[in-house]
Amino acid sequence: MTHTLQSIFQPRTHVRSKQALLVLGGAILIAIAAQISIPLHPVPLTFQSTTVILVAMALGLRLGAGAVALYLIAGFAGVPIFADFNGGPQVFFDPTAGYLVGFFIAALVAGYLAERGFARNIALSFVAGLLGTIIIFLCGILVLSHFVGWHNAILFGVTPFLITEPIKLIVAACIIPRLWK
């Protein structure tokens, strides 16, 4: 009987351990990408947003959103993993807080789309990544505008990224289908 119970529960334990490691690895990858930064003010240029999309699309809805949630919770708890080694609850009251909230929403959307076939080729991966990125920037400028006004929110929170984000998304879109094979 014991052998039968082991054979039933062992695969689930292995799968859950693997999933936990994937979520942890995704959160760590996002934290590393947050530190690759060009310090613009008030929103630094990082690889964070593209990495959020990449992780969400690579892991799918549940695990991708889990990785982003773990990243956000750890940062909220004070682990210095946000851009420029920031962390703590005060970051969620800063001008860039909307981008952080947008990460989670974008992960839900991009992960969902990946599971629905958008991760199978470069063009669809780009479309899903672009949609996720638009969500991140919309959330970002909504909060940023309360600090600097609408004009400056777009000027400082979107305009500097109009060239870099599509390039990063093209690279991510080329990687994502390979991860699903």
N, C-alpha and C. Protein backbone atom coordinates (compact mmCIF):
# COMPACT_ATOMS: atom_id res chain seq x y z
N MET A 1 0.82 -1.20 0.00
CA MET A 1 0.00 0.00 0.00
C MET A 1 0.86 1.26 0.00
N THR A 2 1.93 1.25 0.79
CA THR A 2 2.79 2.41 0.86
C THR A 2 3.41 2.71 -0.50
N HIS A 3 3.83 1.68 -1.21
CA HIS A 3 4.42 1.87 -2.52
C HIS A 3 3.41 2.53 -3.47
N THR A 4 2.16 2.12 -3.39
CA THR A 4 1.13 2.69 -4.24
C THR A 4 0.90 4.16 -3.91
N LEU A 5 0.86 4.52 -2.63
CA LEU A 5 0.69 5.92 -2.24
C LEU A 5 1.87 6.76 -2.69
N GLN A 6 3.08 6.21 -2.59
CA GLN A 6 4.25 6.95 -3.05
C GLN A 6 4.17 7.22 -4.54
N SER A 7 3.75 6.23 -5.28
CA SER A 7 3.67 6.40 -6.73
C SER A 7 2.59 7.41 -7.12
N ILE A 8 1.58 7.55 -6.28
CA ILE A 8 0.54 8.52 -6.56
C ILE A 8 1.00 9.94 -6.22
N PHE A 9 1.63 10.11 -5.07
CA PHE A 9 1.95 11.45 -4.59
C PHE A 9 3.32 11.95 -5.04
N GLN A 10 4.24 11.08 -5.33
CA GLN A 10 5.58 11.51 -5.72
C GLN A 10 5.58 12.37 -6.98
N PRO A 11 4.87 11.99 -8.05
CA PRO A 11 4.87 12.87 -9.23
C PRO A 11 4.30 14.26 -8.94
N ARG A 12 3.26 14.34 -8.13
CA ARG A 12 2.69 15.66 -7.80
C ARG A 12 3.69 16.51 -7.03
N THR A 13 4.39 15.89 -6.08
CA THR A 13 5.39 16.61 -5.31
C THR A 13 6.49 17.11 -6.22
N HIS A 14 6.93 16.27 -7.14
CA HIS A 14 7.98 16.66 -8.09
C HIS A 14 7.51 17.82 -8.97
N VAL A 15 6.29 17.74 -9.45
CA VAL A 15 5.74 18.80 -10.31
C VAL A 15 5.62 20.10 -9.52
N ARG A 16 5.15 20.03 -8.31
CA ARG A 16 4.99 21.24 -7.50
C ARG A 16 6.34 21.85 -7.14
N SER A 17 7.31 21.01 -6.87
CA SER A 17 8.66 21.52 -6.60
C SER A 17 9.21 22.22 -7.83
N LYS A 18 9.03 21.62 -8.98
CA LYS A 18 9.49 22.23 -10.23
C LYS A 18 8.78 23.56 -10.48
N GLN A 19 7.47 23.60 -10.24
CA GLN A 19 6.71 24.83 -10.43
C GLN A 19 7.19 25.92 -9.47
N ALA A 20 7.44 25.54 -8.22
CA ALA A 20 7.92 26.51 -7.23
C ALA A 20 9.28 27.07 -7.65
N LEU A 21 10.14 26.22 -8.17
CA LEU A 21 11.45 26.69 -8.64
C LEU A 21 11.31 27.59 -9.86
N LEU A 22 10.37 27.29 -10.75
CA LEU A 22 10.13 28.15 -11.90
C LEU A 22 9.64 29.54 -11.47
N VAL A 23 8.72 29.57 -10.52
CA VAL A 23 8.21 30.84 -10.01
C VAL A 23 9.34 31.63 -9.34
N LEU A 24 10.11 30.96 -8.50
CA LEU A 24 11.24 31.62 -7.83
C LEU A 24 12.26 32.11 -8.85
N GLY A 25 12.57 31.27 -9.83
CA GLY A 25 13.52 31.67 -10.87
C GLY A 25 13.01 32.86 -11.68
N GLY A 26 11.73 32.88 -11.99
CA GLY A 26 11.14 34.01 -12.71
C GLY A 26 11.24 35.29 -11.91
N ALA A 27 10.94 35.21 -10.62
CA ALA A 27 11.03 36.40 -9.75
C ALA A 27 12.47 36.90 -9.67
N ILE A 28 13.42 35.98 -9.57
CA ILE A 28 14.83 36.36 -9.50
C ILE A 28 15.27 37.01 -10.82
N LEU A 29 14.82 36.45 -11.92
CA LEU A 29 15.16 37.01 -13.24
C LEU A 29 14.64 38.45 -13.38
N ILE A 30 13.42 38.68 -12.91
CA ILE A 30 12.85 40.04 -12.95
C ILE A 30 13.66 40.98 -12.06
N ALA A 31 14.06 40.49 -10.88
CA ALA A 31 14.85 41.31 -9.95
C ALA A 31 16.20 41.68 -10.56
N ILE A 32 16.82 40.75 -11.25
CA ILE A 32 18.10 41.04 -11.91
C ILE A 32 17.89 42.06 -13.02
N ALA A 33 16.85 41.85 -13.82
CA ALA A 33 16.57 42.77 -14.93
C ALA A 33 16.28 44.18 -14.43
N ALA A 34 15.71 44.30 -13.24
CA ALA A 34 15.41 45.62 -12.67
C ALA A 34 16.69 46.41 -12.39
N GLN A 35 17.79 45.71 -12.18
CA GLN A 35 19.04 46.40 -11.84
C GLN A 35 19.84 46.81 -13.07
N ILE A 36 19.46 46.29 -14.23
CA ILE A 36 20.09 46.73 -15.48
C ILE A 36 19.35 48.00 -15.87
N SER A 37 19.93 49.11 -15.50
CA SER A 37 19.16 50.36 -15.50
C SER A 37 19.96 51.54 -16.03
N ILE A 38 19.27 52.38 -16.78
CA ILE A 38 19.78 53.70 -17.15
C ILE A 38 18.94 54.69 -16.33
N PRO A 39 19.57 55.41 -15.41
CA PRO A 39 18.81 56.23 -14.47
C PRO A 39 18.21 57.49 -15.10
N LEU A 40 17.02 57.35 -15.66
CA LEU A 40 16.25 58.50 -16.11
C LEU A 40 15.33 58.90 -14.96
N HIS A 41 14.87 60.13 -14.98
CA HIS A 41 13.99 60.58 -13.89
C HIS A 41 12.66 61.04 -14.48
N PRO A 42 11.55 60.67 -13.95
CA PRO A 42 11.33 59.90 -12.74
C PRO A 42 11.24 58.39 -12.97
N VAL A 43 11.29 57.94 -14.23
CA VAL A 43 11.15 56.51 -14.53
C VAL A 43 12.45 56.02 -15.17
N PRO A 44 13.18 55.12 -14.48
CA PRO A 44 14.43 54.63 -15.07
C PRO A 44 14.16 53.66 -16.22
N LEU A 45 15.10 53.59 -17.14
CA LEU A 45 15.03 52.64 -18.24
C LEU A 45 15.65 51.33 -17.75
N THR A 46 14.84 50.30 -17.65
CA THR A 46 15.32 49.00 -17.19
C THR A 46 14.87 47.91 -18.17
N PHE A 47 15.30 46.69 -17.89
CA PHE A 47 14.83 45.55 -18.66
C PHE A 47 13.69 44.84 -17.92
N GLN A 48 13.19 45.47 -16.89
CA GLN A 48 12.16 44.92 -16.04
C GLN A 48 10.87 44.60 -16.77
N SER A 49 10.32 45.56 -17.49
CA SER A 49 9.01 45.35 -18.13
C SER A 49 9.06 44.24 -19.16
N THR A 50 10.11 44.20 -19.97
CA THR A 50 10.23 43.14 -20.97
C THR A 50 10.44 41.79 -20.30
N THR A 51 11.18 41.77 -19.21
CA THR A 51 11.41 40.51 -18.50
C THR A 51 10.12 40.01 -17.87
N VAL A 52 9.29 40.92 -17.38
CA VAL A 52 7.97 40.52 -16.86
C VAL A 52 7.18 39.82 -17.96
N ILE A 53 7.16 40.39 -19.14
CA ILE A 53 6.44 39.80 -20.28
C ILE A 53 7.05 38.45 -20.65
N LEU A 54 8.36 38.40 -20.72
CA LEU A 54 9.06 37.16 -21.07
C LEU A 54 8.76 36.05 -20.07
N VAL A 55 8.85 36.36 -18.80
CA VAL A 55 8.58 35.36 -17.75
C VAL A 55 7.12 34.92 -17.81
N ALA A 56 6.21 35.86 -17.93
CA ALA A 56 4.78 35.51 -17.97
C ALA A 56 4.46 34.64 -19.17
N MET A 57 5.01 34.97 -20.31
CA MET A 57 4.70 34.18 -21.50
C MET A 57 5.42 32.84 -21.49
N ALA A 58 6.59 32.77 -20.90
CA ALA A 58 7.31 31.50 -20.82
C ALA A 58 6.66 30.55 -19.83
N LEU A 59 6.15 31.09 -18.72
CA LEU A 59 5.59 30.23 -17.66
C LEU A 59 4.08 30.07 -17.76
N GLY A 60 3.40 30.93 -18.49
CA GLY A 60 1.95 30.85 -18.59
C GLY A 60 1.28 31.66 -17.51
N LEU A 61 -0.03 31.65 -17.54
CA LEU A 61 -0.84 32.50 -16.67
C LEU A 61 -0.53 32.31 -15.19
N ARG A 62 -0.72 31.13 -14.68
CA ARG A 62 -0.62 30.90 -13.24
C ARG A 62 0.80 31.07 -12.72
N LEU A 63 1.76 30.41 -13.33
CA LEU A 63 3.13 30.48 -12.85
C LEU A 63 3.78 31.82 -13.16
N GLY A 64 3.47 32.39 -14.32
CA GLY A 64 4.01 33.70 -14.67
C GLY A 64 3.51 34.78 -13.73
N ALA A 65 2.21 34.79 -13.48
CA ALA A 65 1.64 35.76 -12.54
C ALA A 65 2.17 35.49 -11.13
N GLY A 66 2.40 34.24 -10.81
CA GLY A 66 2.97 33.88 -9.51
C GLY A 66 4.38 34.44 -9.34
N ALA A 67 5.19 34.36 -10.40
CA ALA A 67 6.55 34.89 -10.35
C ALA A 67 6.53 36.41 -10.15
N VAL A 68 5.64 37.08 -10.87
CA VAL A 68 5.54 38.54 -10.73
C VAL A 68 5.01 38.90 -9.34
N ALA A 69 4.02 38.16 -8.86
CA ALA A 69 3.49 38.41 -7.52
C ALA A 69 4.57 38.21 -6.46
N LEU A 70 5.35 37.16 -6.59
CA LEU A 70 6.44 36.92 -5.64
C LEU A 70 7.44 38.07 -5.66
N TYR A 71 7.78 38.52 -6.84
CA TYR A 71 8.69 39.66 -7.00
C TYR A 71 8.13 40.90 -6.30
N LEU A 72 6.86 41.20 -6.53
CA LEU A 72 6.23 42.38 -5.94
C LEU A 72 6.12 42.26 -4.42
N ILE A 73 5.76 41.09 -3.94
CA ILE A 73 5.63 40.87 -2.49
C ILE A 73 6.98 41.00 -1.81
N ALA A 74 8.01 40.40 -2.41
CA ALA A 74 9.36 40.49 -1.82
C ALA A 74 9.82 41.95 -1.79
N GLY A 75 9.58 42.68 -2.87
CA GLY A 75 9.95 44.10 -2.90
C GLY A 75 9.18 44.90 -1.87
N PHE A 76 7.89 44.62 -1.75
CA PHE A 76 7.05 45.31 -0.76
C PHE A 76 7.56 45.03 0.65
N ALA A 77 8.02 43.80 0.88
CA ALA A 77 8.52 43.40 2.20
C ALA A 77 9.86 44.03 2.54
N GLY A 78 10.47 44.70 1.58
CA GLY A 78 11.71 45.41 1.86
C GLY A 78 12.94 44.84 1.19
N VAL A 79 12.80 43.73 0.48
CA VAL A 79 13.95 43.19 -0.24
C VAL A 79 14.29 44.19 -1.35
N PRO A 80 15.52 44.65 -1.45
CA PRO A 80 15.86 45.70 -2.43
C PRO A 80 16.00 45.15 -3.85
N ILE A 81 14.87 44.79 -4.45
CA ILE A 81 14.90 44.15 -5.77
C ILE A 81 14.24 44.99 -6.86
N PHE A 82 13.66 46.11 -6.50
CA PHE A 82 13.11 46.99 -7.52
C PHE A 82 14.25 47.78 -8.16
N ALA A 83 13.96 48.55 -9.19
CA ALA A 83 14.99 49.32 -9.90
C ALA A 83 15.85 50.10 -8.92
N ASP A 84 17.13 50.15 -9.21
CA ASP A 84 18.11 50.86 -8.38
C ASP A 84 18.14 50.35 -6.95
N PHE A 85 17.91 49.07 -6.77
CA PHE A 85 17.96 48.38 -5.47
C PHE A 85 17.02 49.01 -4.44
N ASN A 86 15.86 49.43 -4.88
CA ASN A 86 14.83 49.94 -3.98
C ASN A 86 13.95 48.80 -3.51
N GLY A 87 13.32 48.98 -2.39
CA GLY A 87 12.38 48.03 -1.86
C GLY A 87 11.64 48.66 -0.70
N GLY A 88 10.59 48.00 -0.25
CA GLY A 88 9.80 48.50 0.86
C GLY A 88 8.46 49.03 0.41
N PRO A 89 7.52 49.16 1.34
CA PRO A 89 6.17 49.59 0.99
C PRO A 89 6.11 51.01 0.42
N GLN A 90 7.06 51.87 0.78
CA GLN A 90 7.05 53.25 0.28
C GLN A 90 7.16 53.32 -1.23
N VAL A 91 7.75 52.30 -1.85
CA VAL A 91 7.89 52.29 -3.31
C VAL A 91 6.53 52.27 -3.98
N PHE A 92 5.53 51.69 -3.29
CA PHE A 92 4.19 51.62 -3.85
C PHE A 92 3.42 52.93 -3.71
N PHE A 93 4.09 53.95 -3.18
CA PHE A 93 3.52 55.30 -3.11
C PHE A 93 4.37 56.30 -3.88
N ASP A 94 5.35 55.79 -4.63
CA ASP A 94 6.24 56.62 -5.45
C ASP A 94 5.65 56.81 -6.85
N PRO A 95 6.23 57.70 -7.63
CA PRO A 95 5.74 57.93 -9.00
C PRO A 95 5.75 56.69 -9.89
N THR A 96 6.60 55.71 -9.62
CA THR A 96 6.69 54.53 -10.48
C THR A 96 5.80 53.37 -10.02
N ALA A 97 4.99 53.59 -9.00
CA ALA A 97 4.15 52.52 -8.44
C ALA A 97 3.20 51.92 -9.47
N GLY A 98 2.69 52.74 -10.36
CA GLY A 98 1.76 52.24 -11.37
C GLY A 98 2.39 51.20 -12.29
N TYR A 99 3.66 51.37 -12.58
CA TYR A 99 4.35 50.39 -13.41
C TYR A 99 4.41 49.04 -12.69
N LEU A 100 4.67 49.09 -11.39
CA LEU A 100 4.74 47.84 -10.62
C LEU A 100 3.39 47.13 -10.62
N VAL A 101 2.32 47.86 -10.41
CA VAL A 101 0.98 47.28 -10.45
C VAL A 101 0.70 46.75 -11.86
N GLY A 102 1.12 47.51 -12.86
CA GLY A 102 0.94 47.09 -14.24
C GLY A 102 1.66 45.79 -14.57
N PHE A 103 2.79 45.54 -13.89
CA PHE A 103 3.51 44.28 -14.12
C PHE A 103 2.60 43.08 -13.87
N PHE A 104 1.87 43.13 -12.78
CA PHE A 104 1.02 41.98 -12.44
C PHE A 104 -0.12 41.81 -13.44
N ILE A 105 -0.77 42.90 -13.78
CA ILE A 105 -1.88 42.83 -14.74
C ILE A 105 -1.36 42.36 -16.10
N ALA A 106 -0.22 42.89 -16.52
CA ALA A 106 0.37 42.49 -17.80
C ALA A 106 0.76 41.01 -17.77
N ALA A 107 1.25 40.53 -16.64
CA ALA A 107 1.62 39.11 -16.53
C ALA A 107 0.38 38.22 -16.69
N LEU A 108 -0.72 38.65 -16.10
CA LEU A 108 -1.96 37.88 -16.26
C LEU A 108 -2.37 37.81 -17.73
N VAL A 109 -2.34 38.94 -18.41
CA VAL A 109 -2.77 39.00 -19.81
C VAL A 109 -1.79 38.25 -20.71
N ALA A 110 -0.50 38.54 -20.58
CA ALA A 110 0.50 37.90 -21.44
C ALA A 110 0.56 36.39 -21.19
N GLY A 111 0.47 35.98 -19.93
CA GLY A 111 0.48 34.55 -19.61
C GLY A 111 -0.74 33.85 -20.18
N TYR A 112 -1.89 34.50 -20.07
CA TYR A 112 -3.13 33.94 -20.63
C TYR A 112 -3.01 33.79 -22.15
N LEU A 113 -2.53 34.84 -22.80
CA LEU A 113 -2.40 34.79 -24.25
C LEU A 113 -1.38 33.73 -24.69
N ALA A 114 -0.32 33.58 -23.93
CA ALA A 114 0.67 32.55 -24.25
C ALA A 114 0.03 31.17 -24.22
N GLU A 115 -0.77 30.93 -23.21
CA GLU A 115 -1.45 29.63 -23.10
C GLU A 115 -2.48 29.42 -24.20
N ARG A 116 -2.94 30.49 -24.80
CA ARG A 116 -3.93 30.40 -25.87
C ARG A 116 -3.30 30.40 -27.26
N GLY A 117 -2.00 30.19 -27.33
CA GLY A 117 -1.33 30.03 -28.61
C GLY A 117 -0.50 31.20 -29.07
N PHE A 118 -0.49 32.31 -28.33
CA PHE A 118 0.26 33.48 -28.75
C PHE A 118 1.77 33.31 -28.55
N ALA A 119 2.18 32.23 -27.92
CA ALA A 119 3.61 31.99 -27.72
C ALA A 119 4.19 31.06 -28.77
N ARG A 120 3.39 30.67 -29.73
CA ARG A 120 3.81 29.67 -30.71
C ARG A 120 4.64 30.24 -31.86
N ASN A 121 4.49 31.53 -32.14
CA ASN A 121 5.31 32.12 -33.20
C ASN A 121 5.71 33.54 -32.83
N ILE A 122 6.67 34.05 -33.56
CA ILE A 122 7.25 35.36 -33.25
C ILE A 122 6.23 36.48 -33.35
N ALA A 123 5.43 36.49 -34.43
CA ALA A 123 4.48 37.58 -34.63
C ALA A 123 3.45 37.65 -33.51
N LEU A 124 2.86 36.50 -33.17
CA LEU A 124 1.86 36.50 -32.09
C LEU A 124 2.49 36.79 -30.74
N SER A 125 3.71 36.31 -30.52
CA SER A 125 4.41 36.63 -29.28
C SER A 125 4.64 38.12 -29.15
N PHE A 126 4.99 38.76 -30.26
CA PHE A 126 5.18 40.21 -30.25
C PHE A 126 3.88 40.93 -29.92
N VAL A 127 2.78 40.48 -30.51
CA VAL A 127 1.48 41.11 -30.25
C VAL A 127 1.11 40.98 -28.77
N ALA A 128 1.27 39.78 -28.21
CA ALA A 128 0.94 39.58 -26.79
C ALA A 128 1.86 40.41 -25.91
N GLY A 129 3.14 40.44 -26.26
CA GLY A 129 4.09 41.25 -25.49
C GLY A 129 3.79 42.73 -25.57
N LEU A 130 3.40 43.17 -26.75
CA LEU A 130 3.04 44.58 -26.94
C LEU A 130 1.81 44.94 -26.11
N LEU A 131 0.83 44.07 -26.10
CA LEU A 131 -0.37 44.32 -25.30
C LEU A 131 0.00 44.41 -23.81
N GLY A 132 0.83 43.48 -23.35
CA GLY A 132 1.28 43.53 -21.96
C GLY A 132 2.04 44.80 -21.65
N THR A 133 2.89 45.21 -22.56
CA THR A 133 3.67 46.43 -22.37
C THR A 133 2.77 47.67 -22.34
N ILE A 134 1.78 47.69 -23.19
CA ILE A 134 0.82 48.81 -23.18
C ILE A 134 0.11 48.88 -21.83
N ILE A 135 -0.25 47.74 -21.28
CA ILE A 135 -0.89 47.70 -19.96
C ILE A 135 0.04 48.28 -18.90
N ILE A 136 1.31 47.86 -18.95
CA ILE A 136 2.28 48.37 -17.96
C ILE A 136 2.39 49.89 -18.06
N PHE A 137 2.51 50.40 -19.28
CA PHE A 137 2.70 51.85 -19.44
C PHE A 137 1.42 52.63 -19.13
N LEU A 138 0.26 52.07 -19.44
CA LEU A 138 -0.98 52.75 -19.06
C LEU A 138 -1.10 52.87 -17.55
N CYS A 139 -0.86 51.77 -16.86
CA CYS A 139 -0.91 51.82 -15.39
C CYS A 139 0.15 52.78 -14.85
N GLY A 140 1.32 52.74 -15.47
CA GLY A 140 2.42 53.61 -15.04
C GLY A 140 2.09 55.08 -15.16
N ILE A 141 1.57 55.48 -16.33
CA ILE A 141 1.30 56.92 -16.50
C ILE A 141 0.07 57.37 -15.71
N LEU A 142 -0.84 56.44 -15.43
CA LEU A 142 -1.99 56.82 -14.59
C LEU A 142 -1.52 57.29 -13.22
N VAL A 143 -0.59 56.57 -12.63
CA VAL A 143 -0.08 56.96 -11.32
C VAL A 143 0.90 58.12 -11.45
N LEU A 144 1.80 58.03 -12.42
CA LEU A 144 2.80 59.08 -12.60
C LEU A 144 2.15 60.44 -12.83
N SER A 145 1.02 60.47 -13.52
CA SER A 145 0.34 61.74 -13.80
C SER A 145 -0.11 62.46 -12.53
N HIS A 146 -0.36 61.72 -11.46
CA HIS A 146 -0.74 62.35 -10.19
C HIS A 146 0.43 63.11 -9.57
N PHE A 147 1.64 62.74 -9.97
CA PHE A 147 2.83 63.40 -9.43
C PHE A 147 3.34 64.53 -10.32
N VAL A 148 3.22 64.33 -11.65
CA VAL A 148 3.85 65.30 -12.57
C VAL A 148 2.90 65.86 -13.61
N GLY A 149 1.62 65.49 -13.59
CA GLY A 149 0.66 65.94 -14.59
C GLY A 149 0.70 65.03 -15.82
N TRP A 150 -0.38 65.11 -16.63
CA TRP A 150 -0.51 64.23 -17.80
C TRP A 150 0.57 64.46 -18.84
N HIS A 151 0.81 65.70 -19.16
CA HIS A 151 1.81 66.00 -20.19
C HIS A 151 3.18 65.43 -19.80
N ASN A 152 3.62 65.71 -18.59
CA ASN A 152 4.92 65.22 -18.14
C ASN A 152 4.93 63.70 -17.94
N ALA A 153 3.79 63.15 -17.57
CA ALA A 153 3.73 61.68 -17.43
C ALA A 153 4.00 61.01 -18.76
N ILE A 154 3.44 61.54 -19.81
CA ILE A 154 3.68 60.98 -21.15
C ILE A 154 5.10 61.32 -21.60
N LEU A 155 5.53 62.54 -21.34
CA LEU A 155 6.85 62.98 -21.75
C LEU A 155 7.96 62.16 -21.08
N PHE A 156 7.83 61.92 -19.78
CA PHE A 156 8.88 61.21 -19.03
C PHE A 156 8.59 59.73 -18.81
N GLY A 157 7.33 59.35 -18.90
CA GLY A 157 6.95 57.97 -18.59
C GLY A 157 6.68 57.09 -19.78
N VAL A 158 6.64 57.68 -20.99
CA VAL A 158 6.39 56.89 -22.20
C VAL A 158 7.41 57.22 -23.29
N THR A 159 7.56 58.49 -23.60
CA THR A 159 8.38 58.93 -24.73
C THR A 159 9.79 58.34 -24.74
N PRO A 160 10.51 58.32 -23.60
CA PRO A 160 11.87 57.77 -23.64
C PRO A 160 11.93 56.29 -24.02
N PHE A 161 10.79 55.62 -23.95
CA PHE A 161 10.77 54.18 -24.15
C PHE A 161 10.20 53.77 -25.51
N LEU A 162 9.82 54.74 -26.32
CA LEU A 162 9.19 54.44 -27.61
C LEU A 162 10.12 53.71 -28.58
N ILE A 163 11.40 53.90 -28.45
CA ILE A 163 12.35 53.19 -29.31
C ILE A 163 12.83 51.90 -28.64
N THR A 164 13.13 51.97 -27.35
CA THR A 164 13.73 50.82 -26.68
C THR A 164 12.75 49.66 -26.46
N GLU A 165 11.52 49.95 -26.10
CA GLU A 165 10.56 48.87 -25.80
C GLU A 165 10.28 47.98 -27.01
N PRO A 166 10.01 48.53 -28.19
CA PRO A 166 9.79 47.64 -29.33
C PRO A 166 11.00 46.76 -29.64
N ILE A 167 12.20 47.29 -29.49
CA ILE A 167 13.41 46.49 -29.74
C ILE A 167 13.49 45.34 -28.74
N LYS A 168 13.26 45.66 -27.46
CA LYS A 168 13.29 44.61 -26.43
C LYS A 168 12.18 43.58 -26.67
N LEU A 169 11.01 44.04 -27.13
CA LEU A 169 9.91 43.11 -27.40
C LEU A 169 10.20 42.20 -28.59
N ILE A 170 10.89 42.72 -29.59
CA ILE A 170 11.26 41.88 -30.73
C ILE A 170 12.19 40.76 -30.27
N VAL A 171 13.16 41.10 -29.43
CA VAL A 171 14.07 40.09 -28.90
C VAL A 171 13.30 39.06 -28.10
N ALA A 172 12.42 39.52 -27.22
CA ALA A 172 11.61 38.60 -26.41
C ALA A 172 10.72 37.72 -27.30
N ALA A 173 10.13 38.32 -28.33
CA ALA A 173 9.26 37.57 -29.24
C ALA A 173 10.02 36.49 -30.00
N CYS A 174 11.29 36.70 -30.21
CA CYS A 174 12.11 35.68 -30.87
C CYS A 174 12.47 34.54 -29.91
N ILE A 175 12.52 34.83 -28.63
CA ILE A 175 12.88 33.82 -27.62
C ILE A 175 11.68 32.98 -27.21
N ILE A 176 10.54 33.61 -27.01
CA ILE A 176 9.36 32.96 -26.44
C ILE A 176 8.94 31.68 -27.18
N PRO A 177 8.79 31.69 -28.50
CA PRO A 177 8.38 30.45 -29.17
C PRO A 177 9.35 29.28 -28.94
N ARG A 178 10.62 29.58 -28.79
CA ARG A 178 11.62 28.52 -28.52
C ARG A 178 11.41 27.90 -27.15
N LEU A 179 10.95 28.70 -26.22
CA LEU A 179 10.70 28.19 -24.86
C LEU A 179 9.48 27.27 -24.81
N TRP A 180 8.57 27.43 -25.74
CA TRP A 180 7.35 26.62 -25.76
C TRP A 180 7.52 25.32 -26.54
N LYS A 181 8.64 25.17 -27.23
CA LYS A 181 8.85 23.95 -28.01
C LYS A 181 9.34 22.82 -27.14
